[in-house]
Amino acid sequence: MCIAVPAEILEIRDGNMALVDYGDLQQEVRIDLVEAKVGEFVLVHVGFAIQRLSREEGFETRELFKEVYKAMEEELESHA
């Protein structure tokens, strides 16, 4: 299964690179495949922004990821 993670573009560098924020991590990704601006959300897969999201979709998806990770951690802890 492949997963793309929502991230907010903080800065565009050298035309095709962007500094993005995942909520608790910042990373450089390539933005060759999308037209995106600072402040917009994109889905990132293996270092490439592959799709733009609305801010609402970006925040909503980020919250869903947090809930899933929390549930996974709780499940692991219950089996330890």
PDB file of N, CA and C in Angstrom:
ATOM      1  N   MET A   1       0.845  -1.171   0.000  1.00  0.00           N
ATOM      2  CA  MET A   1       0.000   0.000   0.000  1.00  0.00           C
ATOM      3  C   MET A   1       0.892   1.236   0.000  1.00  0.00           C
ATOM      4  N   CYS A   2       0.506   2.227  -0.763  1.00  0.00           N
ATOM      5  CA  CYS A   2       1.219   3.501  -0.815  1.00  0.00           C
ATOM      6  C   CYS A   2       0.405   4.555  -0.093  1.00  0.00           C
ATOM      7  N   ILE A   3       1.103   5.408   0.636  1.00  0.00           N
ATOM      8  CA  ILE A   3       0.428   6.460   1.383  1.00  0.00           C
ATOM      9  C   ILE A   3       1.051   7.798   1.032  1.00  0.00           C
ATOM     10  N   ALA A   4       0.211   8.783   0.761  1.00  0.00           N
ATOM     11  CA  ALA A   4       0.662  10.158   0.570  1.00  0.00           C
ATOM     12  C   ALA A   4       0.233  10.945   1.803  1.00  0.00           C
ATOM     13  N   VAL A   5       1.106  11.806   2.267  1.00  0.00           N
ATOM     14  CA  VAL A   5       0.891  12.524   3.516  1.00  0.00           C
ATOM     15  C   VAL A   5       0.681  14.011   3.236  1.00  0.00           C
ATOM     16  N   PRO A   6      -0.305  14.635   3.878  1.00  0.00           N
ATOM     17  CA  PRO A   6      -0.546  16.060   3.647  1.00  0.00           C
ATOM     18  C   PRO A   6       0.527  16.916   4.311  1.00  0.00           C
ATOM     19  N   ALA A   7       0.938  17.967   3.602  1.00  0.00           N
ATOM     20  CA  ALA A   7       1.939  18.886   4.125  1.00  0.00           C
ATOM     21  C   ALA A   7       1.645  20.288   3.615  1.00  0.00           C
ATOM     22  N   GLU A   8       1.987  21.277   4.426  1.00  0.00           N
ATOM     23  CA  GLU A   8       1.792  22.678   4.048  1.00  0.00           C
ATOM     24  C   GLU A   8       3.104  23.238   3.500  1.00  0.00           C
ATOM     25  N   ILE A   9       3.034  23.930   2.391  1.00  0.00           N
ATOM     26  CA  ILE A   9       4.233  24.531   1.807  1.00  0.00           C
ATOM     27  C   ILE A   9       4.591  25.789   2.585  1.00  0.00           C
ATOM     28  N   LEU A  10       5.791  25.799   3.137  1.00  0.00           N
ATOM     29  CA  LEU A  10       6.286  26.943   3.899  1.00  0.00           C
ATOM     30  C   LEU A  10       7.123  27.887   3.051  1.00  0.00           C
ATOM     31  N   GLU A  11       7.849  27.309   2.089  1.00  0.00           N
ATOM     32  CA  GLU A  11       8.796  28.093   1.292  1.00  0.00           C
ATOM     33  C   GLU A  11       9.062  27.358  -0.014  1.00  0.00           C
ATOM     34  N   ILE A  12       9.197  28.104  -1.093  1.00  0.00           N
ATOM     35  CA  ILE A  12       9.573  27.500  -2.372  1.00  0.00           C
ATOM     36  C   ILE A  12      11.012  27.888  -2.654  1.00  0.00           C
ATOM     37  N   ARG A  13      11.824  26.892  -2.978  1.00  0.00           N
ATOM     38  CA  ARG A  13      13.259  27.076  -3.198  1.00  0.00           C
ATOM     39  C   ARG A  13      13.630  26.595  -4.595  1.00  0.00           C
ATOM     40  N   ASP A  14      14.419  27.358  -5.288  1.00  0.00           N
ATOM     41  CA  ASP A  14      14.947  26.964  -6.601  1.00  0.00           C
ATOM     42  C   ASP A  14      13.865  26.543  -7.592  1.00  0.00           C
ATOM     43  N   GLY A  15      12.670  27.086  -7.465  1.00  0.00           N
ATOM     44  CA  GLY A  15      11.619  26.843  -8.440  1.00  0.00           C
ATOM     45  C   GLY A  15      10.897  25.520  -8.338  1.00  0.00           C
ATOM     46  N   ASN A  16      11.622  24.427  -8.062  1.00  0.00           N
ATOM     47  CA  ASN A  16      10.961  23.118  -8.041  1.00  0.00           C
ATOM     48  C   ASN A  16      11.147  22.361  -6.722  1.00  0.00           C
ATOM     49  N   MET A  17      11.682  23.025  -5.724  1.00  0.00           N
ATOM     50  CA  MET A  17      11.830  22.432  -4.391  1.00  0.00           C
ATOM     51  C   MET A  17      11.033  23.277  -3.413  1.00  0.00           C
ATOM     52  N   ALA A  18      10.464  22.623  -2.415  1.00  0.00           N
ATOM     53  CA  ALA A  18       9.707  23.356  -1.402  1.00  0.00           C
ATOM     54  C   ALA A  18      10.021  22.796  -0.022  1.00  0.00           C
ATOM     55  N   LEU A  19      10.043  23.674   0.948  1.00  0.00           N
ATOM     56  CA  LEU A  19      10.109  23.269   2.345  1.00  0.00           C
ATOM     57  C   LEU A  19       8.668  23.111   2.799  1.00  0.00           C
ATOM     58  N   VAL A  20       8.319  21.921   3.284  1.00  0.00           N
ATOM     59  CA  VAL A  20       6.954  21.654   3.709  1.00  0.00           C
ATOM     60  C   VAL A  20       6.926  21.284   5.180  1.00  0.00           C
ATOM     61  N   ASP A  21       5.748  21.449   5.774  1.00  0.00           N
ATOM     62  CA  ASP A  21       5.536  21.131   7.181  1.00  0.00           C
ATOM     63  C   ASP A  21       4.443  20.073   7.287  1.00  0.00           C
ATOM     64  N   TYR A  22       4.780  18.966   7.947  1.00  0.00           N
ATOM     65  CA  TYR A  22       3.822  17.884   8.146  1.00  0.00           C
ATOM     66  C   TYR A  22       3.055  18.023   9.456  1.00  0.00           C
ATOM     67  N   GLY A  23       3.353  19.055  10.209  1.00  0.00           N
ATOM     68  CA  GLY A  23       2.720  19.243  11.515  1.00  0.00           C
ATOM     69  C   GLY A  23       3.710  19.111  12.638  1.00  0.00           C
ATOM     70  N   ASP A  24       4.627  18.182  12.531  1.00  0.00           N
ATOM     71  CA  ASP A  24       5.666  18.016  13.545  1.00  0.00           C
ATOM     72  C   ASP A  24       7.035  17.733  12.913  1.00  0.00           C
ATOM     73  N   LEU A  25       7.107  17.882  11.611  1.00  0.00           N
ATOM     74  CA  LEU A  25       8.336  17.627  10.870  1.00  0.00           C
ATOM     75  C   LEU A  25       8.353  18.507   9.639  1.00  0.00           C
ATOM     76  N   GLN A  26       9.522  19.073   9.342  1.00  0.00           N
ATOM     77  CA  GLN A  26       9.687  19.837   8.112  1.00  0.00           C
ATOM     78  C   GLN A  26      10.682  19.111   7.228  1.00  0.00           C
ATOM     79  N   GLN A  27      10.451  19.199   5.896  1.00  0.00           N
ATOM     80  CA  GLN A  27      11.291  18.468   4.949  1.00  0.00           C
ATOM     81  C   GLN A  27      11.229  19.172   3.600  1.00  0.00           C
ATOM     82  N   GLU A  28      12.286  19.005   2.819  1.00  0.00           N
ATOM     83  CA  GLU A  28      12.272  19.493   1.444  1.00  0.00           C
ATOM     84  C   GLU A  28      11.670  18.428   0.540  1.00  0.00           C
ATOM     85  N   VAL A  29      10.797  18.853  -0.371  1.00  0.00           N
ATOM     86  CA  VAL A  29      10.206  17.938  -1.342  1.00  0.00           C
ATOM     87  C   VAL A  29      10.222  18.599  -2.711  1.00  0.00           C
ATOM     88  N   ARG A  30      10.090  17.799  -3.732  1.00  0.00           N
ATOM     89  CA  ARG A  30      10.028  18.312  -5.110  1.00  0.00           C
ATOM     90  C   ARG A  30       8.574  18.661  -5.434  1.00  0.00           C
ATOM     91  N   ILE A  31       8.400  19.757  -6.161  1.00  0.00           N
ATOM     92  CA  ILE A  31       7.055  20.184  -6.543  1.00  0.00           C
ATOM     93  C   ILE A  31       6.904  20.263  -8.065  1.00  0.00           C
ATOM     94  N   ASP A  32       7.688  19.494  -8.784  1.00  0.00           N
ATOM     95  CA  ASP A  32       7.627  19.476 -10.250  1.00  0.00           C
ATOM     96  C   ASP A  32       6.257  19.069 -10.787  1.00  0.00           C
ATOM     97  N   LEU A  33       5.535  18.231 -10.062  1.00  0.00           N
ATOM     98  CA  LEU A  33       4.311  17.631 -10.573  1.00  0.00           C
ATOM     99  C   LEU A  33       3.047  18.445 -10.295  1.00  0.00           C
ATOM    100  N   VAL A  34       3.162  19.494  -9.492  1.00  0.00           N
ATOM    101  CA  VAL A  34       1.992  20.311  -9.147  1.00  0.00           C
ATOM    102  C   VAL A  34       2.346  21.791  -9.216  1.00  0.00           C
ATOM    103  N   GLU A  35       1.344  22.598  -9.447  1.00  0.00           N
ATOM    104  CA  GLU A  35       1.515  24.044  -9.326  1.00  0.00           C
ATOM    105  C   GLU A  35       0.994  24.418  -7.952  1.00  0.00           C
ATOM    106  N   ALA A  36       1.895  24.785  -7.068  1.00  0.00           N
ATOM    107  CA  ALA A  36       1.500  25.080  -5.692  1.00  0.00           C
ATOM    108  C   ALA A  36       2.234  26.326  -5.202  1.00  0.00           C
ATOM    109  N   LYS A  37       1.615  26.990  -4.242  1.00  0.00           N
ATOM    110  CA  LYS A  37       2.150  28.226  -3.686  1.00  0.00           C
ATOM    111  C   LYS A  37       2.365  28.072  -2.186  1.00  0.00           C
ATOM    112  N   VAL A  38       3.140  28.979  -1.634  1.00  0.00           N
ATOM    113  CA  VAL A  38       3.350  29.020  -0.191  1.00  0.00           C
ATOM    114  C   VAL A  38       1.990  29.147   0.485  1.00  0.00           C
ATOM    115  N   GLY A  39       1.800  28.343   1.527  1.00  0.00           N
ATOM    116  CA  GLY A  39       0.549  28.352   2.278  1.00  0.00           C
ATOM    117  C   GLY A  39      -0.443  27.303   1.833  1.00  0.00           C
ATOM    118  N   GLU A  40      -0.218  26.706   0.671  1.00  0.00           N
ATOM    119  CA  GLU A  40      -1.118  25.657   0.187  1.00  0.00           C
ATOM    120  C   GLU A  40      -0.689  24.301   0.738  1.00  0.00           C
ATOM    121  N   PHE A  41      -1.650  23.385   0.774  1.00  0.00           N
ATOM    122  CA  PHE A  41      -1.373  22.012   1.181  1.00  0.00           C
ATOM    123  C   PHE A  41      -1.209  21.143  -0.050  1.00  0.00           C
ATOM    124  N   VAL A  42      -0.315  20.179   0.063  1.00  0.00           N
ATOM    125  CA  VAL A  42      -0.097  19.194  -0.987  1.00  0.00           C
ATOM    126  C   VAL A  42      -0.018  17.812  -0.350  1.00  0.00           C
ATOM    127  N   LEU A  43      -0.304  16.796  -1.151  1.00  0.00           N
ATOM    128  CA  LEU A  43      -0.053  15.422  -0.727  1.00  0.00           C
ATOM    129  C   LEU A  43       1.344  15.054  -1.184  1.00  0.00           C
ATOM    130  N   VAL A  44       2.148  14.499  -0.274  1.00  0.00           N
ATOM    131  CA  VAL A  44       3.536  14.148  -0.575  1.00  0.00           C
ATOM    132  C   VAL A  44       3.697  12.639  -0.524  1.00  0.00           C
ATOM    133  N   HIS A  45       4.288  12.110  -1.589  1.00  0.00           N
ATOM    134  CA  HIS A  45       4.583  10.682  -1.679  1.00  0.00           C
ATOM    135  C   HIS A  45       6.013  10.527  -2.151  1.00  0.00           C
ATOM    136  N   VAL A  46       6.812   9.806  -1.392  1.00  0.00           N
ATOM    137  CA  VAL A  46       8.233   9.549  -1.654  1.00  0.00           C
ATOM    138  C   VAL A  46       8.992  10.803  -2.106  1.00  0.00           C
ATOM    139  N   GLY A  47       8.754  11.916  -1.402  1.00  0.00           N
ATOM    140  CA  GLY A  47       9.517  13.131  -1.665  1.00  0.00           C
ATOM    141  C   GLY A  47       8.992  14.019  -2.772  1.00  0.00           C
ATOM    142  N   PHE A  48       7.853  13.667  -3.345  1.00  0.00           N
ATOM    143  CA  PHE A  48       7.245  14.462  -4.411  1.00  0.00           C
ATOM    144  C   PHE A  48       5.848  14.912  -3.997  1.00  0.00           C
ATOM    145  N   ALA A  49       5.544  16.186  -4.195  1.00  0.00           N
ATOM    146  CA  ALA A  49       4.171  16.657  -4.056  1.00  0.00           C
ATOM    147  C   ALA A  49       3.420  16.156  -5.280  1.00  0.00           C
ATOM    148  N   ILE A  50       2.332  15.419  -5.051  1.00  0.00           N
ATOM    149  CA  ILE A  50       1.626  14.803  -6.177  1.00  0.00           C
ATOM    150  C   ILE A  50       0.236  15.387  -6.409  1.00  0.00           C
ATOM    151  N   GLN A  51      -0.257  16.167  -5.456  1.00  0.00           N
ATOM    152  CA  GLN A  51      -1.596  16.737  -5.601  1.00  0.00           C
ATOM    153  C   GLN A  51      -1.776  17.886  -4.619  1.00  0.00           C
ATOM    154  N   ARG A  52      -2.497  18.912  -5.032  1.00  0.00           N
ATOM    155  CA  ARG A  52      -2.846  20.001  -4.121  1.00  0.00           C
ATOM    156  C   ARG A  52      -4.103  19.637  -3.349  1.00  0.00           C
ATOM    157  N   LEU A  53      -4.201  20.173  -2.135  1.00  0.00           N
ATOM    158  CA  LEU A  53      -5.382  20.012  -1.292  1.00  0.00           C
ATOM    159  C   LEU A  53      -5.836  21.390  -0.838  1.00  0.00           C
ATOM    160  N   SER A  54      -7.114  21.519  -0.530  1.00  0.00           N
ATOM    161  CA  SER A  54      -7.555  22.752   0.108  1.00  0.00           C
ATOM    162  C   SER A  54      -6.999  22.759   1.541  1.00  0.00           C
ATOM    163  N   ARG A  55      -6.960  23.929   2.157  1.00  0.00           N
ATOM    164  CA  ARG A  55      -6.483  24.000   3.543  1.00  0.00           C
ATOM    165  C   ARG A  55      -7.355  23.120   4.442  1.00  0.00           C
ATOM    166  N   GLU A  56      -8.658  23.151   4.194  1.00  0.00           N
ATOM    167  CA  GLU A  56      -9.578  22.343   4.995  1.00  0.00           C
ATOM    168  C   GLU A  56      -9.249  20.857   4.864  1.00  0.00           C
ATOM    169  N   GLU A  57      -9.060  20.389   3.623  1.00  0.00           N
ATOM    170  CA  GLU A  57      -8.709  18.977   3.398  1.00  0.00           C
ATOM    171  C   GLU A  57      -7.365  18.641   4.035  1.00  0.00           C
ATOM    172  N   GLY A  58      -6.415  19.566   3.936  1.00  0.00           N
ATOM    173  CA  GLY A  58      -5.097  19.335   4.510  1.00  0.00           C
ATOM    174  C   GLY A  58      -5.149  19.145   6.011  1.00  0.00           C
ATOM    175  N   PHE A  59      -5.834  20.064   6.708  1.00  0.00           N
ATOM    176  CA  PHE A  59      -5.936  19.959   8.165  1.00  0.00           C
ATOM    177  C   PHE A  59      -6.753  18.741   8.582  1.00  0.00           C
ATOM    178  N   GLU A  60      -7.844  18.477   7.855  1.00  0.00           N
ATOM    179  CA  GLU A  60      -8.685  17.329   8.176  1.00  0.00           C
ATOM    180  C   GLU A  60      -7.916  16.018   8.006  1.00  0.00           C
ATOM    181  N   THR A  61      -7.188  15.892   6.918  1.00  0.00           N
ATOM    182  CA  THR A  61      -6.419  14.670   6.668  1.00  0.00           C
ATOM    183  C   THR A  61      -5.295  14.521   7.686  1.00  0.00           C
ATOM    184  N   ARG A  62      -4.654  15.640   8.041  1.00  0.00           N
ATOM    185  CA  ARG A  62      -3.591  15.599   9.056  1.00  0.00           C
ATOM    186  C   ARG A  62      -4.154  15.075  10.379  1.00  0.00           C
ATOM    187  N   GLU A  63      -5.351  15.523  10.761  1.00  0.00           N
ATOM    188  CA  GLU A  63      -5.977  15.059  12.003  1.00  0.00           C
ATOM    189  C   GLU A  63      -6.295  13.571  11.933  1.00  0.00           C
ATOM    190  N   LEU A  64      -6.770  13.107  10.782  1.00  0.00           N
ATOM    191  CA  LEU A  64      -7.048  11.676  10.623  1.00  0.00           C
ATOM    192  C   LEU A  64      -5.784  10.836  10.800  1.00  0.00           C
ATOM    193  N   PHE A  65      -4.675  11.308  10.235  1.00  0.00           N
ATOM    194  CA  PHE A  65      -3.405  10.597  10.404  1.00  0.00           C
ATOM    195  C   PHE A  65      -3.021  10.537  11.876  1.00  0.00           C
ATOM    196  N   LYS A  66      -3.185  11.642  12.603  1.00  0.00           N
ATOM    197  CA  LYS A  66      -2.859  11.658  14.033  1.00  0.00           C
ATOM    198  C   LYS A  66      -3.693  10.636  14.799  1.00  0.00           C
ATOM    199  N   GLU A  67      -4.995  10.566  14.480  1.00  0.00           N
ATOM    200  CA  GLU A  67      -5.868   9.612  15.145  1.00  0.00           C
ATOM    201  C   GLU A  67      -5.457   8.172  14.857  1.00  0.00           C
ATOM    202  N   VAL A  68      -5.104   7.892  13.618  1.00  0.00           N
ATOM    203  CA  VAL A  68      -4.680   6.538  13.242  1.00  0.00           C
ATOM    204  C   VAL A  68      -3.386   6.168  13.969  1.00  0.00           C
ATOM    205  N   TYR A  69      -2.405   7.080  13.972  1.00  0.00           N
ATOM    206  CA  TYR A  69      -1.138   6.796  14.657  1.00  0.00           C
ATOM    207  C   TYR A  69      -1.357   6.572  16.147  1.00  0.00           C
ATOM    208  N   LYS A  70      -2.236   7.380  16.759  1.00  0.00           N
ATOM    209  CA  LYS A  70      -2.518   7.224  18.186  1.00  0.00           C
ATOM    210  C   LYS A  70      -3.134   5.857  18.455  1.00  0.00           C
ATOM    211  N   ALA A  71      -4.099   5.449  17.618  1.00  0.00           N
ATOM    212  CA  ALA A  71      -4.734   4.143  17.786  1.00  0.00           C
ATOM    213  C   ALA A  71      -3.719   3.012  17.614  1.00  0.00           C
ATOM    214  N   MET A  72      -2.810   3.169  16.663  1.00  0.00           N
ATOM    215  CA  MET A  72      -1.777   2.146  16.451  1.00  0.00           C
ATOM    216  C   MET A  72      -0.862   2.039  17.661  1.00  0.00           C
ATOM    217  N   GLU A  73      -0.460   3.187  18.223  1.00  0.00           N
ATOM    218  CA  GLU A  73       0.402   3.176  19.401  1.00  0.00           C
ATOM    219  C   GLU A  73      -0.305   2.514  20.573  1.00  0.00           C
ATOM    220  N   GLU A  74      -1.585   2.846  20.772  1.00  0.00           N
ATOM    221  CA  GLU A  74      -2.345   2.242  21.875  1.00  0.00           C
ATOM    222  C   GLU A  74      -2.460   0.738  21.699  1.00  0.00           C
ATOM    223  N   GLU A  75      -2.663   0.291  20.468  1.00  0.00           N
ATOM    224  CA  GLU A  75      -2.757  -1.135  20.186  1.00  0.00           C
ATOM    225  C   GLU A  75      -1.440  -1.837  20.498  1.00  0.00           C
ATOM    226  N   LEU A  76      -0.327  -1.223  20.092  1.00  0.00           N
ATOM    227  CA  LEU A  76       0.986  -1.810  20.365  1.00  0.00           C
ATOM    228  C   LEU A  76       1.239  -1.881  21.877  1.00  0.00           C
ATOM    229  N   GLU A  77       0.888  -0.827  22.592  1.00  0.00           N
ATOM    230  CA  GLU A  77       1.096  -0.786  24.035  1.00  0.00           C
ATOM    231  C   GLU A  77       0.261  -1.847  24.734  1.00  0.00           C
ATOM    232  N   SER A  78      -0.941  -2.117  24.230  1.00  0.00           N
ATOM    233  CA  SER A  78      -1.811  -3.106  24.873  1.00  0.00           C
ATOM    234  C   SER A  78      -1.289  -4.524  24.685  1.00  0.00           C
ATOM    235  N   HIS A  79      -0.416  -4.740  23.698  1.00  0.00           N
ATOM    236  CA  HIS A  79       0.160  -6.059  23.451  1.00  0.00           C
ATOM    237  C   HIS A  79       1.540  -6.219  24.057  1.00  0.00           C
ATOM    238  N   ALA A  80       2.035  -5.167  24.681  1.00  0.00           N
ATOM    239  CA  ALA A  80       3.400  -5.232  25.251  1.00  0.00           C
ATOM    240  C   ALA A  80       3.393  -5.853  26.630  1.00  0.00           C
TER     241      ALA A  80
END
